[in-house]
Structure formats: structure tokens, C-alpha cells
Amino acid sequence: MQLLDGRPKDMTGRLEKEARVYDLLDKLAMWYQRVDHDPADTMEICNEIDKVLDATICKNLFLCNRKKTKFYLLMMPGDKGFKTKELSGQHGIQRLSFASAEDMEKYLDITPGSVSVMGLMNDSENVVQLLVDEDIMEGEFFGCHPCINTSSLKLRTKELFDVFLPHVKHDPLVVHLNGNME
């Protein structure tokens, strides 16, 4: 596994949704590095990717309220535990559960295992509210998928908030998660 600058030279066999991520990052003149890997569906693969990226690796959770009328994408450090009750009361958020794969695909054009903040580029109706754990803001770099789980990106955290999110018209809400699983 090797960290490479920018988009793949040969896009043969790459999904269109991955190519759209690279197109947008290049259009916005955002710096990024990429590592290609087997599907990141085991902790062993994830740990190897983490070593190569040397960035705050994000756990991304797609959540919804009980009535499925509000949807949220939660970005948090990958090593932090999560219980939905931790978000209760923050920003008026109540009774969250995990949203369906169908809704994930409908709003973010992402399938389970590939959830990423990059999917917000596909949410033109602004249905999904981005929630960001405050600890993400502290790192210089963060890691995420380009809407597929066979590549991972290293991006500048500042550019995510100053360039990418304003472009895709998503204002993040910063939340506090203590990560206790007790």
C-alpha cells in the first residue's frame, strides 16, 4: 500500500461516483493524497490504511430520526466509541438510529462501508445535516473514502471546512462526543 498524489492516472474500472470526487477536488484546487487498497471491511485492513495515511481517520455514521424525516452524517474520530444518546439534546437532535442503506444511496450515492463526507457533494437538496465531532477540527489532516471503500484519501481538515463544505452548501454542526461506551 502506497500513498499517491492526486487522482489515479488510469481511471479504468473506477466507478463514476469515485471519479466525480476527484473531479470536484481538482476543480476546487484542493490538495489530497490517495491510497488504493482491498475493500476496507476488516479492522486489519483499516489499521494498515491508517498507518499509510497518517491522518485523523474518520468514522462516518449515517443516522436519522425516528420518523425518518431528518438525516445526519456524523464525522468522528475512528477510535472513538459512539452511542446515539450522546447526541440527544445537542442542536435539538432527538432519538437517532442508523438510517437505511436505501436512504444512504438515495441522498449520498454511497453504499454501506463507503460512507464519507465526500458523499455530501451528491446531496444537492441539502437533506443531510453534517455533524462533526469537535476532535476532528483539531487534526491538520483527516482521512475518508472517495465514495467507495477501495481507496482512501488524505485531505487537509481546514480545506474541508473552508473550501469543500461551502462549495457543496453544507454547514456543519459541531458536536461534543465523549466516546464512552459505558
Protein backbone atom coordinates (compact mmCIF):
# COMPACT_ATOMS: atom_id res chain seq x y z
CA MET A 1 0.00 0.00 0.00
CA GLN A 2 1.44 3.32 -1.09
CA LEU A 3 0.34 6.94 -0.62
CA LEU A 4 -0.01 8.62 -4.03
CA ASP A 5 -0.64 12.23 -5.01
CA GLY A 6 -3.99 13.03 -6.61
CA ARG A 7 -6.29 11.04 -8.80
CA PRO A 8 -5.40 7.70 -10.40
CA LYS A 9 -3.59 8.08 -13.72
CA ASP A 10 -5.75 5.32 -15.19
CA MET A 11 -9.45 5.50 -14.26
CA THR A 12 -10.27 2.18 -15.95
CA GLY A 13 -12.54 0.12 -13.74
CA ARG A 14 -13.23 3.02 -11.34
CA LEU A 15 -16.83 3.89 -10.53
CA GLU A 16 -18.23 7.17 -11.81
CA LYS A 17 -19.00 8.34 -8.26
CA GLU A 18 -15.31 7.99 -7.38
CA ALA A 19 -14.30 9.92 -10.50
CA ARG A 20 -16.75 12.71 -9.55
CA VAL A 21 -14.98 13.09 -6.19
CA TYR A 22 -11.59 13.54 -7.89
CA ASP A 23 -13.13 15.92 -10.44
CA LEU A 24 -14.57 18.12 -7.70
CA LEU A 25 -11.40 18.09 -5.55
CA ASP A 26 -9.35 19.05 -8.62
CA LYS A 27 -11.85 21.77 -9.62
CA LEU A 28 -11.64 23.23 -6.12
CA ALA A 29 -7.81 23.01 -6.24
CA MET A 30 -7.80 21.01 -3.01
CA TRP A 31 -4.68 19.11 -2.02
CA TYR A 32 -5.16 15.38 -1.48
CA GLN A 33 -3.30 12.11 -1.44
CA ARG A 34 -4.75 8.68 -2.13
CA VAL A 35 -4.08 5.08 -1.23
CA ASP A 36 -5.71 2.19 -3.08
CA HIS A 37 -6.47 -1.00 -1.18
CA ASP A 38 -8.68 -4.03 -0.86
CA PRO A 39 -12.22 -3.26 0.33
CA ALA A 40 -11.82 -1.81 3.82
CA ASP A 41 -14.15 -4.23 5.54
CA THR A 42 -11.88 -5.60 8.26
CA MET A 43 -10.10 -3.86 11.11
CA GLU A 44 -6.78 -5.26 9.88
CA ILE A 45 -7.13 -3.50 6.52
CA CYS A 46 -8.32 -0.31 8.24
CA ASN A 47 -5.32 -0.34 10.58
CA GLU A 48 -2.92 -0.71 7.65
CA ILE A 49 -4.62 2.17 5.81
CA ASP A 50 -4.40 4.31 8.96
CA LYS A 51 -0.62 3.79 9.12
CA VAL A 52 -0.18 4.83 5.49
CA LEU A 53 -2.47 7.90 5.66
CA ASP A 54 -1.05 9.29 8.91
CA ALA A 55 -4.18 11.42 9.45
CA THR A 56 -7.25 11.54 11.70
CA ILE A 57 -9.22 8.63 10.32
CA CYS A 58 -12.91 9.39 10.40
CA LYS A 59 -15.70 7.09 11.38
CA ASN A 60 -18.71 8.23 9.37
CA LEU A 61 -22.18 7.25 10.52
CA PHE A 62 -25.38 7.84 8.57
CA LEU A 63 -28.19 8.46 11.04
CA CYS A 64 -31.83 9.51 11.04
CA ASN A 65 -34.54 10.50 13.47
CA ARG A 66 -37.25 8.03 14.45
CA LYS A 67 -39.71 9.34 11.86
CA LYS A 68 -37.04 9.24 9.12
CA THR A 69 -37.69 12.89 8.32
CA LYS A 70 -34.21 14.16 9.25
CA PHE A 71 -30.92 12.64 8.17
CA TYR A 72 -27.44 13.20 9.59
CA LEU A 73 -23.91 12.32 8.61
CA LEU A 74 -21.72 12.13 11.72
CA MET A 75 -17.95 12.51 11.32
CA MET A 76 -15.97 11.42 14.36
CA PRO A 77 -12.51 10.03 15.10
CA GLY A 78 -12.35 6.36 14.17
CA ASP A 79 -11.05 5.33 17.57
CA LYS A 80 -13.89 6.96 19.50
CA GLY A 81 -16.89 4.97 20.69
CA PHE A 82 -20.43 6.15 19.94
CA LYS A 83 -23.85 5.86 21.50
CA THR A 84 -26.76 7.70 19.91
CA LYS A 85 -27.90 9.09 23.26
CA GLU A 86 -24.73 11.22 23.36
CA LEU A 87 -26.20 13.41 20.62
CA SER A 88 -29.61 13.76 22.27
CA GLY A 89 -30.27 17.36 23.13
CA GLN A 90 -27.35 18.75 21.14
CA HIS A 91 -28.68 21.12 18.46
CA GLY A 92 -32.22 19.83 19.10
CA ILE A 93 -31.35 16.33 17.89
CA GLN A 94 -33.55 13.60 19.36
CA ARG A 95 -33.93 9.82 19.08
CA LEU A 96 -31.42 8.83 16.45
CA SER A 97 -30.90 5.47 14.87
CA PHE A 98 -28.93 4.21 11.90
CA ALA A 99 -30.51 5.14 8.58
CA SER A 100 -31.16 2.56 5.88
CA ALA A 101 -28.83 1.63 3.06
CA GLU A 102 -31.55 2.75 0.65
CA ASP A 103 -31.62 6.26 2.13
CA MET A 104 -27.83 6.37 2.15
CA GLU A 105 -27.77 5.61 -1.55
CA LYS A 106 -30.69 7.95 -2.30
CA TYR A 107 -29.19 11.02 -0.61
CA LEU A 108 -25.41 10.46 -0.73
CA ASP A 109 -24.94 7.94 -3.60
CA ILE A 110 -22.93 5.79 -1.20
CA THR A 111 -23.30 2.18 -0.11
CA PRO A 112 -22.63 0.82 3.40
CA GLY A 113 -18.92 0.53 4.12
CA SER A 114 -18.14 3.55 1.93
CA VAL A 115 -19.78 6.34 3.95
CA SER A 116 -17.84 9.57 3.59
CA VAL A 117 -18.19 13.32 3.88
CA MET A 118 -17.46 13.35 0.14
CA GLY A 119 -20.98 11.98 -0.38
CA LEU A 120 -22.39 15.40 0.55
CA MET A 121 -21.49 16.52 -2.97
CA ASN A 122 -24.38 14.30 -4.13
CA ASP A 123 -26.89 15.84 -1.70
CA SER A 124 -27.95 18.79 -3.86
CA GLU A 125 -31.25 19.12 -1.97
CA ASN A 126 -29.35 19.53 1.31
CA VAL A 127 -31.35 16.82 3.05
CA VAL A 128 -28.42 15.53 5.14
CA GLN A 129 -27.08 17.61 8.04
CA LEU A 130 -23.36 17.17 8.70
CA LEU A 131 -22.44 16.66 12.36
CA VAL A 132 -18.73 16.92 13.18
CA ASP A 133 -17.22 15.83 16.47
CA GLU A 134 -15.08 18.68 17.81
CA ASP A 135 -11.99 16.44 17.90
CA ILE A 136 -11.97 16.27 14.08
CA MET A 137 -11.34 20.02 13.99
CA GLU A 138 -8.04 19.60 15.86
CA GLY A 139 -6.20 17.50 13.28
CA GLU A 140 -4.30 19.01 10.36
CA PHE A 141 -5.34 16.12 8.11
CA PHE A 142 -8.25 13.69 8.00
CA GLY A 143 -8.89 10.51 6.07
CA CYS A 144 -12.02 9.41 4.23
CA HIS A 145 -13.20 7.35 1.27
CA PRO A 146 -13.90 8.87 -2.17
CA CYS A 147 -17.43 7.37 -2.02
CA ILE A 148 -16.05 3.82 -2.43
CA ASN A 149 -14.16 1.65 0.08
CA THR A 150 -11.30 0.51 -2.17
CA SER A 151 -9.47 3.84 -1.90
CA SER A 152 -8.88 6.27 0.93
CA LEU A 153 -7.99 9.95 0.81
CA LYS A 154 -5.86 12.18 2.99
CA LEU A 155 -7.11 15.78 2.93
CA ARG A 156 -6.44 18.98 4.83
CA THR A 157 -9.06 19.50 7.53
CA LYS A 158 -9.02 23.27 7.01
CA GLU A 159 -9.81 22.85 3.30
CA LEU A 160 -12.76 20.60 4.11
CA PHE A 161 -14.36 23.37 6.18
CA ASP A 162 -13.18 26.40 4.17
CA VAL A 163 -13.49 25.09 0.60
CA PHE A 164 -15.36 21.79 0.17
CA LEU A 165 -18.32 22.25 2.53
CA PRO A 166 -19.13 25.81 1.39
CA HIS A 167 -18.99 24.62 -2.23
CA VAL A 168 -21.45 21.77 -1.61
CA LYS A 169 -23.57 24.11 0.54
CA HIS A 170 -23.45 22.11 3.77
CA ASP A 171 -22.91 23.92 7.04
CA PRO A 172 -21.54 21.57 9.69
CA LEU A 173 -22.81 21.45 13.25
CA VAL A 174 -20.01 20.80 15.72
CA VAL A 175 -20.94 18.29 18.44
CA HIS A 176 -19.24 17.01 21.55
CA LEU A 177 -18.90 13.23 21.96
CA ASN A 178 -17.01 11.86 24.92
CA GLY A 179 -16.68 8.42 23.36
CA ASN A 180 -17.52 6.48 26.50
CA MET A 181 -19.10 3.13 25.72
CA GLU A 182 -20.17 2.55 29.34
